[in-house]
N, C-alpha and C. Protein backbone atom coordinates (compact mmCIF):
# COMPACT_ATOMS: atom_id res chain seq x y z
N MET A 1 126.03 121.43 71.69
CA MET A 1 126.42 122.70 72.28
C MET A 1 127.73 123.21 71.68
N ALA A 2 128.67 122.28 71.44
CA ALA A 2 129.96 122.69 70.89
C ALA A 2 129.80 123.27 69.49
N ILE A 3 128.87 122.73 68.71
CA ILE A 3 128.64 123.27 67.36
C ILE A 3 128.17 124.72 67.45
N PHE A 4 127.26 124.99 68.38
CA PHE A 4 126.77 126.36 68.54
C PHE A 4 127.88 127.29 69.01
N VAL A 5 128.62 126.88 70.03
CA VAL A 5 129.70 127.73 70.56
C VAL A 5 130.73 128.00 69.48
N ASP A 6 131.17 126.95 68.79
CA ASP A 6 132.21 127.12 67.78
C ASP A 6 131.72 127.98 66.61
N SER A 7 130.46 127.82 66.25
CA SER A 7 129.90 128.63 65.16
C SER A 7 129.80 130.09 65.56
N GLU A 8 129.39 130.37 66.79
CA GLU A 8 129.33 131.75 67.25
C GLU A 8 130.73 132.36 67.35
N MET A 9 131.70 131.58 67.84
CA MET A 9 133.07 132.06 67.92
C MET A 9 133.62 132.38 66.53
N ALA A 10 133.43 131.45 65.61
CA ALA A 10 133.95 131.64 64.25
C ALA A 10 133.19 132.75 63.53
N GLY A 11 131.87 132.79 63.71
CA GLY A 11 131.09 133.82 63.06
C GLY A 11 131.46 135.21 63.55
N ALA A 12 131.60 135.37 64.86
CA ALA A 12 131.98 136.67 65.42
C ALA A 12 133.38 137.07 64.99
N SER A 13 134.30 136.11 65.00
CA SER A 13 135.69 136.41 64.64
C SER A 13 135.80 136.83 63.18
N GLY A 14 135.06 136.15 62.31
CA GLY A 14 135.08 136.51 60.90
C GLY A 14 134.41 137.85 60.64
N PHE A 15 133.29 138.10 61.32
CA PHE A 15 132.56 139.34 61.10
C PHE A 15 133.32 140.53 61.68
N ALA A 16 134.16 140.28 62.68
CA ALA A 16 134.97 141.36 63.25
C ALA A 16 135.87 141.98 62.18
N ASP A 17 136.34 141.15 61.26
CA ASP A 17 137.18 141.66 60.18
C ASP A 17 136.41 142.55 59.21
N CYS A 18 135.08 142.49 59.26
CA CYS A 18 134.24 143.27 58.34
C CYS A 18 133.87 144.63 58.90
N ILE A 19 134.16 144.88 60.16
CA ILE A 19 133.73 146.13 60.78
C ILE A 19 134.23 147.34 59.99
N ASN A 20 135.50 147.32 59.61
CA ASN A 20 136.07 148.46 58.90
C ASN A 20 135.69 148.49 57.43
N LEU A 21 134.95 147.47 56.97
CA LEU A 21 134.43 147.49 55.61
C LEU A 21 133.10 148.22 55.54
N ALA A 22 132.47 148.43 56.69
CA ALA A 22 131.16 149.07 56.73
C ALA A 22 131.26 150.50 56.19
N PRO A 23 130.22 150.95 55.46
CA PRO A 23 130.32 152.25 54.77
C PRO A 23 130.21 153.47 55.67
N GLY A 24 129.68 153.33 56.86
CA GLY A 24 129.51 154.49 57.73
C GLY A 24 129.71 154.15 59.18
N LEU A 25 129.74 155.18 60.02
CA LEU A 25 129.97 154.98 61.45
C LEU A 25 128.84 154.17 62.09
N LYS A 26 127.60 154.46 61.72
CA LYS A 26 126.47 153.74 62.29
C LYS A 26 126.56 152.25 61.98
N GLU A 27 126.91 151.93 60.74
CA GLU A 27 127.04 150.53 60.34
C GLU A 27 128.19 149.85 61.08
N ARG A 28 129.27 150.58 61.31
CA ARG A 28 130.40 150.00 62.04
C ARG A 28 130.03 149.74 63.50
N MET A 29 129.26 150.63 64.08
CA MET A 29 128.80 150.42 65.45
C MET A 29 127.87 149.21 65.54
N THR A 30 127.00 149.07 64.54
CA THR A 30 126.09 147.93 64.50
C THR A 30 126.86 146.63 64.37
N ALA A 31 127.85 146.61 63.47
CA ALA A 31 128.66 145.40 63.28
C ALA A 31 129.42 145.05 64.55
N THR A 32 129.93 146.06 65.24
CA THR A 32 130.65 145.83 66.49
C THR A 32 129.73 145.22 67.54
N ARG A 33 128.52 145.70 67.61
CA ARG A 33 127.55 145.17 68.58
C ARG A 33 127.22 143.71 68.26
N ILE A 34 127.05 143.40 66.98
CA ILE A 34 126.76 142.01 66.60
C ILE A 34 127.89 141.09 67.03
N VAL A 35 129.13 141.52 66.79
CA VAL A 35 130.29 140.71 67.19
C VAL A 35 130.28 140.49 68.70
N LEU A 36 130.07 141.56 69.46
CA LEU A 36 130.03 141.46 70.92
C LEU A 36 128.95 140.48 71.38
N GLU A 37 127.77 140.59 70.81
CA GLU A 37 126.66 139.74 71.26
C GLU A 37 126.88 138.28 70.88
N LYS A 38 127.48 138.03 69.73
CA LYS A 38 127.75 136.64 69.36
C LYS A 38 128.80 136.01 70.28
N PHE A 39 129.82 136.78 70.64
CA PHE A 39 130.78 136.27 71.61
C PHE A 39 130.09 135.98 72.95
N ASP A 40 129.16 136.84 73.33
CA ASP A 40 128.45 136.62 74.59
C ASP A 40 127.56 135.38 74.52
N HIS A 41 126.96 135.13 73.37
CA HIS A 41 126.15 133.91 73.22
C HIS A 41 127.03 132.67 73.35
N ALA A 42 128.22 132.73 72.76
CA ALA A 42 129.16 131.62 72.91
C ALA A 42 129.51 131.42 74.38
N ARG A 43 129.73 132.50 75.09
CA ARG A 43 130.07 132.41 76.52
C ARG A 43 128.96 131.74 77.31
N GLN A 44 127.72 132.11 77.05
CA GLN A 44 126.60 131.55 77.81
C GLN A 44 126.49 130.03 77.64
N VAL A 45 126.62 129.56 76.42
CA VAL A 45 126.50 128.11 76.18
C VAL A 45 127.77 127.40 76.63
N LEU A 46 128.93 128.05 76.50
CA LEU A 46 130.17 127.45 76.99
C LEU A 46 130.11 127.23 78.49
N ASN A 47 129.45 128.12 79.21
CA ASN A 47 129.29 127.92 80.65
C ASN A 47 128.51 126.64 80.95
N LEU A 48 127.54 126.31 80.11
CA LEU A 48 126.82 125.04 80.29
C LEU A 48 127.73 123.85 80.00
N MET A 49 128.60 124.00 79.01
CA MET A 49 129.50 122.91 78.65
C MET A 49 130.50 122.60 79.75
N GLU A 50 130.80 123.60 80.58
CA GLU A 50 131.74 123.39 81.68
C GLU A 50 131.26 122.28 82.62
N GLN A 51 129.94 122.14 82.75
CA GLN A 51 129.38 121.09 83.60
C GLN A 51 129.66 119.70 83.04
N PHE A 52 129.99 119.63 81.74
CA PHE A 52 130.28 118.35 81.10
C PHE A 52 131.77 118.16 80.88
N GLY A 53 132.58 118.99 81.53
CA GLY A 53 134.02 118.80 81.50
C GLY A 53 134.78 119.67 80.53
N ALA A 54 134.12 120.60 79.85
CA ALA A 54 134.83 121.47 78.92
C ALA A 54 135.76 122.41 79.69
N ASN A 55 136.97 122.57 79.19
CA ASN A 55 137.94 123.47 79.81
C ASN A 55 137.71 124.87 79.25
N THR A 56 136.87 125.62 79.92
CA THR A 56 136.48 126.93 79.40
C THR A 56 137.63 127.92 79.40
N ALA A 57 138.61 127.72 80.27
CA ALA A 57 139.75 128.64 80.34
C ALA A 57 140.61 128.56 79.08
N GLN A 58 140.69 127.37 78.49
CA GLN A 58 141.54 127.17 77.32
C GLN A 58 140.75 127.14 76.01
N TYR A 59 139.44 127.11 76.10
CA TYR A 59 138.61 126.88 74.91
C TYR A 59 138.80 127.96 73.85
N VAL A 60 138.82 129.21 74.27
CA VAL A 60 138.87 130.31 73.31
C VAL A 60 140.15 130.27 72.48
N GLY A 61 141.26 129.89 73.10
CA GLY A 61 142.52 129.86 72.39
C GLY A 61 142.81 128.55 71.68
N ALA A 62 141.85 127.65 71.68
CA ALA A 62 142.11 126.31 71.15
C ALA A 62 142.10 126.24 69.63
N HIS A 63 141.46 127.20 68.96
CA HIS A 63 141.33 127.14 67.51
C HIS A 63 141.49 128.53 66.90
N PRO A 64 141.94 128.60 65.65
CA PRO A 64 142.03 129.90 64.95
C PRO A 64 140.65 130.28 64.39
N TRP A 65 139.84 130.92 65.20
CA TRP A 65 138.43 131.13 64.86
C TRP A 65 138.24 131.99 63.62
N ALA A 66 139.16 132.87 63.34
CA ALA A 66 139.01 133.76 62.18
C ALA A 66 139.50 133.12 60.88
N SER A 67 140.08 131.93 60.96
CA SER A 67 140.62 131.30 59.76
C SER A 67 139.49 130.92 58.80
N ARG A 68 139.79 131.00 57.51
CA ARG A 68 138.82 130.66 56.48
C ARG A 68 139.52 129.87 55.38
N LEU A 69 138.73 129.08 54.64
CA LEU A 69 139.23 128.37 53.48
C LEU A 69 139.22 129.29 52.27
N ASP A 70 139.73 128.80 51.15
CA ASP A 70 139.63 129.55 49.90
C ASP A 70 138.16 129.70 49.51
N ARG A 71 137.80 130.83 48.95
CA ARG A 71 136.40 131.10 48.65
C ARG A 71 135.82 130.15 47.60
N SER A 72 136.68 129.55 46.79
CA SER A 72 136.20 128.64 45.75
C SER A 72 135.79 127.28 46.30
N VAL A 73 136.13 126.99 47.55
CA VAL A 73 135.82 125.69 48.15
C VAL A 73 134.34 125.62 48.50
N ASN A 74 133.76 124.46 48.29
CA ASN A 74 132.39 124.21 48.74
C ASN A 74 132.37 122.84 49.40
N LEU A 75 132.30 122.81 50.72
CA LEU A 75 132.35 121.56 51.48
C LEU A 75 131.03 120.79 51.45
N GLY A 76 129.95 121.45 51.07
CA GLY A 76 128.65 120.80 51.17
C GLY A 76 128.35 120.50 52.63
N THR A 77 127.97 119.26 52.90
CA THR A 77 127.72 118.85 54.29
C THR A 77 128.86 118.00 54.85
N ARG A 78 129.97 117.95 54.12
CA ARG A 78 131.12 117.15 54.56
C ARG A 78 131.86 117.87 55.68
N ARG A 79 132.13 117.17 56.77
CA ARG A 79 132.85 117.75 57.90
C ARG A 79 134.36 117.65 57.66
N ILE A 80 135.11 118.62 58.20
CA ILE A 80 136.56 118.58 58.12
C ILE A 80 137.13 118.65 59.53
N ASP A 81 138.42 118.33 59.64
CA ASP A 81 139.07 118.32 60.95
C ASP A 81 139.16 119.74 61.51
N GLY A 82 139.26 119.82 62.82
CA GLY A 82 139.41 121.11 63.48
C GLY A 82 138.28 121.34 64.46
N ASP A 83 137.85 122.58 64.57
CA ASP A 83 136.75 122.89 65.48
C ASP A 83 135.43 122.40 64.89
N MET A 84 134.34 122.63 65.60
CA MET A 84 133.05 122.07 65.20
C MET A 84 132.11 123.12 64.61
N ARG A 85 132.65 124.22 64.12
CA ARG A 85 131.81 125.24 63.50
C ARG A 85 131.04 124.66 62.32
N LEU A 86 129.87 125.22 62.04
CA LEU A 86 129.16 124.88 60.82
C LEU A 86 130.02 125.27 59.62
N ASN A 87 129.92 124.49 58.55
CA ASN A 87 130.79 124.73 57.39
C ASN A 87 130.68 126.13 56.83
N VAL A 88 129.52 126.75 56.94
CA VAL A 88 129.34 128.08 56.38
C VAL A 88 130.33 129.08 56.97
N PHE A 89 130.82 128.81 58.17
CA PHE A 89 131.78 129.71 58.81
C PHE A 89 133.23 129.37 58.46
N HIS A 90 133.42 128.45 57.52
CA HIS A 90 134.75 128.21 56.96
C HIS A 90 135.00 129.06 55.72
N TYR A 91 133.97 129.74 55.22
CA TYR A 91 134.09 130.47 53.96
C TYR A 91 134.34 131.96 54.22
N PRO A 92 135.20 132.58 53.42
CA PRO A 92 135.53 134.00 53.64
C PRO A 92 134.48 134.95 53.06
N VAL A 93 134.40 136.11 53.66
CA VAL A 93 133.51 137.17 53.19
C VAL A 93 134.28 138.07 52.24
N ASN A 94 133.59 138.55 51.22
CA ASN A 94 134.23 139.37 50.19
C ASN A 94 133.54 140.74 50.11
N GLY A 95 133.84 141.60 51.06
CA GLY A 95 133.29 142.95 51.04
C GLY A 95 132.06 143.10 51.93
N TRP A 96 131.62 144.35 52.10
CA TRP A 96 130.54 144.66 53.02
C TRP A 96 129.21 144.07 52.58
N VAL A 97 128.84 144.24 51.33
CA VAL A 97 127.55 143.72 50.87
C VAL A 97 127.53 142.20 50.95
N ASP A 98 128.63 141.57 50.62
CA ASP A 98 128.73 140.13 50.77
C ASP A 98 128.51 139.74 52.23
N ALA A 99 129.04 140.54 53.14
CA ALA A 99 128.90 140.26 54.58
C ALA A 99 127.45 140.37 55.02
N VAL A 100 126.73 141.41 54.56
CA VAL A 100 125.34 141.56 55.01
C VAL A 100 124.43 140.52 54.36
N VAL A 101 124.75 140.10 53.14
CA VAL A 101 123.98 139.01 52.52
C VAL A 101 124.15 137.74 53.33
N MET A 102 125.39 137.42 53.69
CA MET A 102 125.64 136.24 54.50
C MET A 102 124.94 136.36 55.85
N ASN A 103 125.02 137.54 56.47
CA ASN A 103 124.41 137.74 57.78
C ASN A 103 122.90 137.60 57.72
N PHE A 104 122.30 138.09 56.66
CA PHE A 104 120.85 137.97 56.48
C PHE A 104 120.44 136.51 56.28
N LEU A 105 121.07 135.82 55.33
CA LEU A 105 120.68 134.44 55.03
C LEU A 105 120.99 133.50 56.19
N MET A 106 122.21 133.59 56.74
CA MET A 106 122.58 132.70 57.84
C MET A 106 121.88 133.10 59.12
N GLY A 107 121.63 134.39 59.29
CA GLY A 107 120.91 134.83 60.48
C GLY A 107 119.52 134.23 60.55
N GLN A 108 118.81 134.21 59.43
CA GLN A 108 117.48 133.62 59.43
C GLN A 108 117.54 132.10 59.60
N ALA A 109 118.59 131.47 59.08
CA ALA A 109 118.76 130.03 59.31
C ALA A 109 119.00 129.76 60.79
N THR A 110 119.78 130.60 61.43
CA THR A 110 120.03 130.46 62.87
C THR A 110 118.75 130.58 63.66
N VAL A 111 117.90 131.53 63.29
CA VAL A 111 116.62 131.72 63.98
C VAL A 111 115.77 130.46 63.88
N VAL A 112 115.70 129.88 62.70
CA VAL A 112 114.91 128.66 62.50
C VAL A 112 115.49 127.51 63.32
N GLN A 113 116.80 127.34 63.27
CA GLN A 113 117.44 126.22 63.96
C GLN A 113 117.37 126.38 65.47
N LEU A 114 117.58 127.59 65.98
CA LEU A 114 117.48 127.80 67.42
C LEU A 114 116.05 127.63 67.90
N GLY A 115 115.09 128.04 67.08
CA GLY A 115 113.70 127.86 67.46
C GLY A 115 113.37 126.41 67.72
N GLU A 116 113.96 125.52 66.94
CA GLU A 116 113.76 124.08 67.16
C GLU A 116 114.46 123.63 68.44
N LEU A 117 115.68 124.13 68.68
CA LEU A 117 116.44 123.69 69.85
C LEU A 117 115.87 124.21 71.16
N THR A 118 115.11 125.30 71.12
CA THR A 118 114.52 125.81 72.36
C THR A 118 113.46 124.86 72.91
N ARG A 119 113.03 123.91 72.10
CA ARG A 119 112.03 122.93 72.55
C ARG A 119 112.67 121.60 72.94
N GLY A 120 114.00 121.61 73.08
CA GLY A 120 114.72 120.38 73.40
C GLY A 120 114.54 119.94 74.84
N SER A 121 114.98 118.72 75.12
CA SER A 121 114.75 118.09 76.42
C SER A 121 115.72 118.56 77.50
N TYR A 122 116.88 119.12 77.11
CA TYR A 122 117.84 119.60 78.12
C TYR A 122 117.46 121.03 78.48
N GLN A 123 116.78 121.19 79.60
CA GLN A 123 116.15 122.47 79.92
C GLN A 123 117.13 123.63 80.09
N PRO A 124 118.30 123.43 80.73
CA PRO A 124 119.23 124.56 80.83
C PRO A 124 119.63 125.12 79.46
N LEU A 125 119.86 124.24 78.50
CA LEU A 125 120.19 124.70 77.15
C LEU A 125 118.99 125.36 76.49
N ALA A 126 117.83 124.75 76.63
CA ALA A 126 116.61 125.32 76.03
C ALA A 126 116.35 126.72 76.58
N ASP A 127 116.53 126.90 77.88
CA ASP A 127 116.29 128.21 78.49
C ASP A 127 117.31 129.24 78.00
N THR A 128 118.56 128.83 77.91
CA THR A 128 119.61 129.74 77.44
C THR A 128 119.36 130.17 76.00
N LEU A 129 119.01 129.21 75.14
CA LEU A 129 118.76 129.53 73.74
C LEU A 129 117.49 130.36 73.56
N THR A 130 116.52 130.17 74.44
CA THR A 130 115.31 130.99 74.39
C THR A 130 115.64 132.45 74.62
N ALA A 131 116.58 132.71 75.52
CA ALA A 131 117.01 134.09 75.78
C ALA A 131 117.86 134.64 74.63
N ILE A 132 118.62 133.78 73.99
CA ILE A 132 119.51 134.19 72.90
C ILE A 132 118.73 134.45 71.61
N LEU A 133 117.67 133.72 71.39
CA LEU A 133 116.94 133.73 70.12
C LEU A 133 116.53 135.13 69.65
N PRO A 134 115.93 135.98 70.50
CA PRO A 134 115.52 137.30 70.02
C PRO A 134 116.69 138.16 69.54
N VAL A 135 117.84 137.97 70.16
CA VAL A 135 119.03 138.74 69.76
C VAL A 135 119.51 138.26 68.39
N GLU A 136 119.53 136.95 68.19
CA GLU A 136 119.93 136.41 66.89
C GLU A 136 118.94 136.83 65.80
N LYS A 137 117.67 136.92 66.16
CA LYS A 137 116.67 137.39 65.20
C LYS A 137 116.96 138.82 64.78
N ARG A 138 117.36 139.65 65.74
CA ARG A 138 117.71 141.03 65.41
C ARG A 138 118.94 141.08 64.52
N HIS A 139 119.90 140.20 64.73
CA HIS A 139 121.08 140.16 63.86
C HIS A 139 120.66 139.89 62.41
N ALA A 140 119.75 138.93 62.23
CA ALA A 140 119.27 138.61 60.88
C ALA A 140 118.58 139.82 60.26
N GLU A 141 117.77 140.50 61.05
CA GLU A 141 117.06 141.68 60.56
C GLU A 141 118.03 142.80 60.19
N LEU A 142 119.10 142.93 60.96
CA LEU A 142 120.11 143.95 60.65
C LEU A 142 120.84 143.61 59.36
N GLY A 143 121.06 142.32 59.11
CA GLY A 143 121.65 141.91 57.84
C GLY A 143 120.76 142.28 56.67
N GLU A 144 119.47 141.99 56.82
CA GLU A 144 118.51 142.37 55.77
C GLU A 144 118.50 143.89 55.57
N LYS A 145 118.49 144.63 56.66
CA LYS A 145 118.48 146.09 56.56
C LYS A 145 119.74 146.60 55.87
N GLY A 146 120.88 146.02 56.20
CA GLY A 146 122.13 146.43 55.57
C GLY A 146 122.11 146.20 54.07
N LEU A 147 121.55 145.07 53.65
CA LEU A 147 121.44 144.77 52.23
C LEU A 147 120.47 145.74 51.56
N ARG A 148 119.35 145.97 52.20
CA ARG A 148 118.34 146.87 51.65
C ARG A 148 118.91 148.29 51.46
N VAL A 149 119.60 148.78 52.47
CA VAL A 149 120.18 150.12 52.40
C VAL A 149 121.22 150.21 51.29
N ALA A 150 122.05 149.18 51.17
CA ALA A 150 123.08 149.18 50.13
C ALA A 150 122.46 149.26 48.74
N LEU A 151 121.39 148.51 48.52
CA LEU A 151 120.72 148.54 47.22
C LEU A 151 120.04 149.88 46.98
N GLU A 152 119.44 150.44 48.02
CA GLU A 152 118.80 151.75 47.88
C GLU A 152 119.81 152.84 47.56
N ARG A 153 121.04 152.65 48.02
CA ARG A 153 122.10 153.64 47.75
C ARG A 153 122.79 153.40 46.42
N GLY A 154 122.29 152.43 45.66
CA GLY A 154 122.79 152.23 44.32
C GLY A 154 123.82 151.14 44.15
N HIS A 155 124.00 150.29 45.16
CA HIS A 155 124.96 149.20 44.99
C HIS A 155 124.55 148.31 43.82
N ASP A 156 125.51 147.87 43.07
CA ASP A 156 125.27 147.05 41.88
C ASP A 156 124.47 145.80 42.26
N ARG A 157 123.27 145.69 41.71
CA ARG A 157 122.40 144.56 42.04
C ARG A 157 122.99 143.24 41.55
N THR A 158 123.74 143.29 40.45
CA THR A 158 124.38 142.08 39.94
C THR A 158 125.40 141.54 40.94
N ASP A 159 126.12 142.46 41.57
CA ASP A 159 127.09 142.06 42.60
C ASP A 159 126.38 141.46 43.80
N ALA A 160 125.28 142.08 44.23
CA ALA A 160 124.51 141.54 45.35
C ALA A 160 123.95 140.16 45.01
N GLN A 161 123.50 140.00 43.77
CA GLN A 161 122.98 138.70 43.35
C GLN A 161 124.07 137.64 43.38
N ALA A 162 125.29 138.02 43.01
CA ALA A 162 126.41 137.08 43.06
C ALA A 162 126.65 136.60 44.48
N SER A 163 126.49 137.50 45.45
CA SER A 163 126.65 137.11 46.86
C SER A 163 125.53 136.18 47.29
N VAL A 164 124.30 136.46 46.87
CA VAL A 164 123.19 135.56 47.17
C VAL A 164 123.46 134.19 46.57
N ASN A 165 123.91 134.16 45.33
CA ASN A 165 124.21 132.89 44.66
C ASN A 165 125.27 132.11 45.42
N TYR A 166 126.26 132.82 45.95
CA TYR A 166 127.35 132.16 46.67
C TYR A 166 126.88 131.59 48.00
N TRP A 167 126.17 132.39 48.79
CA TRP A 167 125.85 132.01 50.16
C TRP A 167 124.61 131.13 50.29
N TYR A 168 123.70 131.21 49.35
CA TYR A 168 122.42 130.52 49.52
C TYR A 168 122.60 129.02 49.75
N SER A 169 123.31 128.34 48.88
CA SER A 169 123.47 126.88 49.02
C SER A 169 124.31 126.54 50.23
N ARG A 170 125.28 127.38 50.55
CA ARG A 170 126.14 127.11 51.70
C ARG A 170 125.37 127.25 53.01
N VAL A 171 124.44 128.20 53.06
CA VAL A 171 123.58 128.31 54.24
C VAL A 171 122.60 127.15 54.28
N ALA A 172 122.04 126.79 53.13
CA ALA A 172 121.10 125.66 53.08
C ALA A 172 121.75 124.38 53.61
N ASP A 173 123.05 124.23 53.37
CA ASP A 173 123.76 123.03 53.84
C ASP A 173 123.85 122.96 55.36
N THR A 174 123.66 124.09 56.06
CA THR A 174 123.72 124.06 57.52
C THR A 174 122.55 123.29 58.13
N PHE A 175 121.53 123.02 57.33
CA PHE A 175 120.41 122.23 57.83
C PHE A 175 120.71 120.73 57.79
N GLY A 176 121.89 120.38 57.28
CA GLY A 176 122.36 118.99 57.32
C GLY A 176 121.54 118.06 56.46
N THR A 177 121.59 116.79 56.82
CA THR A 177 120.81 115.77 56.15
C THR A 177 119.94 115.07 57.19
N GLY A 178 118.75 114.72 56.80
CA GLY A 178 117.82 114.10 57.75
C GLY A 178 118.27 112.74 58.22
N SER A 179 119.24 112.14 57.51
CA SER A 179 119.68 110.79 57.86
C SER A 179 121.04 110.78 58.56
N SER A 180 121.57 111.95 58.92
CA SER A 180 122.89 111.99 59.53
C SER A 180 122.87 111.39 60.94
N ASP A 181 123.99 110.81 61.34
CA ASP A 181 124.10 110.24 62.69
C ASP A 181 123.88 111.31 63.75
N HIS A 182 124.35 112.52 63.45
CA HIS A 182 124.21 113.63 64.39
C HIS A 182 122.73 113.92 64.66
N PHE A 183 121.93 114.01 63.59
CA PHE A 183 120.51 114.30 63.77
C PHE A 183 119.79 113.14 64.45
N ILE A 184 120.13 111.92 64.06
CA ILE A 184 119.49 110.75 64.66
C ILE A 184 119.74 110.70 66.17
N GLN A 185 120.97 111.03 66.58
CA GLN A 185 121.29 111.05 68.01
C GLN A 185 120.52 112.15 68.73
N HIS A 186 120.44 113.32 68.11
CA HIS A 186 119.69 114.42 68.72
C HIS A 186 118.22 114.06 68.90
N ARG A 187 117.65 113.42 67.89
CA ARG A 187 116.24 113.04 67.99
C ARG A 187 116.04 111.95 69.03
N LYS A 188 117.00 111.06 69.15
CA LYS A 188 116.91 109.98 70.13
C LYS A 188 116.78 110.54 71.54
N TYR A 189 117.54 111.60 71.83
CA TYR A 189 117.52 112.19 73.17
C TYR A 189 116.57 113.39 73.26
N ALA A 190 115.72 113.55 72.27
CA ALA A 190 114.69 114.60 72.25
C ALA A 190 115.27 116.00 72.33
N LEU A 191 116.50 116.16 71.85
CA LEU A 191 117.09 117.49 71.80
C LEU A 191 116.51 118.29 70.64
N ARG A 192 116.07 117.58 69.61
CA ARG A 192 115.35 118.19 68.50
C ARG A 192 114.55 117.10 67.81
N GLN A 193 113.49 117.50 67.13
CA GLN A 193 112.63 116.56 66.44
C GLN A 193 112.60 116.79 64.93
N LYS A 194 112.70 118.03 64.51
CA LYS A 194 112.61 118.36 63.09
C LYS A 194 113.99 118.36 62.45
N GLY A 195 114.06 117.84 61.24
CA GLY A 195 115.31 117.80 60.50
C GLY A 195 115.25 118.69 59.27
N ARG A 196 116.14 118.44 58.33
CA ARG A 196 116.25 119.25 57.12
C ARG A 196 114.92 119.35 56.37
N GLU A 197 114.20 118.25 56.28
CA GLU A 197 112.98 118.22 55.48
C GLU A 197 111.94 119.21 55.99
N GLU A 198 111.93 119.48 57.29
CA GLU A 198 110.98 120.43 57.85
C GLU A 198 111.56 121.84 57.99
N LEU A 199 112.84 121.93 58.39
CA LEU A 199 113.42 123.23 58.72
C LEU A 199 113.86 124.01 57.49
N LEU A 200 114.39 123.32 56.47
CA LEU A 200 114.83 124.03 55.27
C LEU A 200 113.67 124.78 54.60
N PRO A 201 112.50 124.15 54.38
CA PRO A 201 111.38 124.90 53.80
C PRO A 201 110.93 126.07 54.68
N GLN A 202 111.07 125.93 55.99
CA GLN A 202 110.71 127.03 56.89
C GLN A 202 111.61 128.23 56.64
N TRP A 203 112.90 127.98 56.50
CA TRP A 203 113.86 129.05 56.19
C TRP A 203 113.57 129.66 54.83
N GLN A 204 113.32 128.81 53.85
CA GLN A 204 113.03 129.30 52.51
C GLN A 204 111.77 130.16 52.50
N GLY A 205 110.80 129.79 53.31
CA GLY A 205 109.57 130.57 53.39
C GLY A 205 109.78 131.96 53.95
N ILE A 206 110.87 132.14 54.70
CA ILE A 206 111.21 133.46 55.25
C ILE A 206 112.03 134.27 54.25
N VAL A 207 113.08 133.67 53.68
CA VAL A 207 114.02 134.46 52.88
C VAL A 207 113.57 134.66 51.44
N HIS A 208 112.81 133.73 50.87
CA HIS A 208 112.42 133.88 49.47
C HIS A 208 111.59 135.14 49.22
N PRO A 209 110.56 135.43 50.03
CA PRO A 209 109.80 136.67 49.79
C PRO A 209 110.64 137.93 49.95
N ILE A 210 111.59 137.91 50.88
CA ILE A 210 112.43 139.09 51.08
C ILE A 210 113.35 139.30 49.89
N LEU A 211 113.93 138.22 49.38
CA LEU A 211 114.77 138.33 48.19
C LEU A 211 113.97 138.88 47.01
N ALA A 212 112.75 138.37 46.84
CA ALA A 212 111.90 138.84 45.75
C ALA A 212 111.59 140.33 45.89
N GLU A 213 111.31 140.76 47.11
CA GLU A 213 111.01 142.17 47.37
C GLU A 213 112.21 143.06 47.02
N LEU A 214 113.41 142.53 47.25
CA LEU A 214 114.63 143.28 46.98
C LEU A 214 115.05 143.19 45.52
N GLY A 215 114.29 142.46 44.71
CA GLY A 215 114.63 142.32 43.31
C GLY A 215 115.76 141.35 43.06
N LEU A 216 115.94 140.40 43.96
CA LEU A 216 116.99 139.40 43.84
C LEU A 216 116.37 138.02 43.63
N ASP A 217 117.05 137.21 42.85
CA ASP A 217 116.53 135.89 42.50
C ASP A 217 116.96 134.83 43.50
N VAL A 218 116.11 133.83 43.69
CA VAL A 218 116.47 132.66 44.48
C VAL A 218 117.31 131.75 43.59
N PRO A 219 118.53 131.41 43.99
CA PRO A 219 119.36 130.53 43.16
C PRO A 219 118.71 129.16 42.96
N ARG A 220 118.93 128.59 41.81
CA ARG A 220 118.39 127.26 41.51
C ARG A 220 119.45 126.20 41.75
């Protein structure tokens, strides 16, 4: 639960900085709504964590959620000290198109990962994530739409491809490793059953056709 909350907090905080990068008023309103909804998703799961002793009053101020590492860093699946956000939320966004590429790729990864967690054994969490899932799916679709519109308006496809090249592997790393202690513990308690070997191809099956349709290559 902490990974989800911290990732939503960090994702929303980072995307908030992108609102004024959006090219038009409609896009800025959409970005603002995404930020609001991600903070609300964090709130819903944080409320569940309170039952396990989490200090919800101090949680929000406990970490610099908008902080990012240098863009040249690639952590892979290695964890670092601090909050429990997924590593992809440690990386900075470089402009509006870079933001929508990240939102599209990571949004679809979130949909796949939450879909697995909605079948978990802890029913309060499963129910909460079931309600959150359609909203996160819409966020991913809005990322795709933002990228599509930018390309239709003449945005440099080479620049968009550079963003895909940057984010693709970093998003793929959010599926972890099938042998990690974290995944083994989750499977032990029936919180999830599928690991990287099953979920990564599911994500690829969603994003690869869309990238091809947009005239963008899948990084090797």
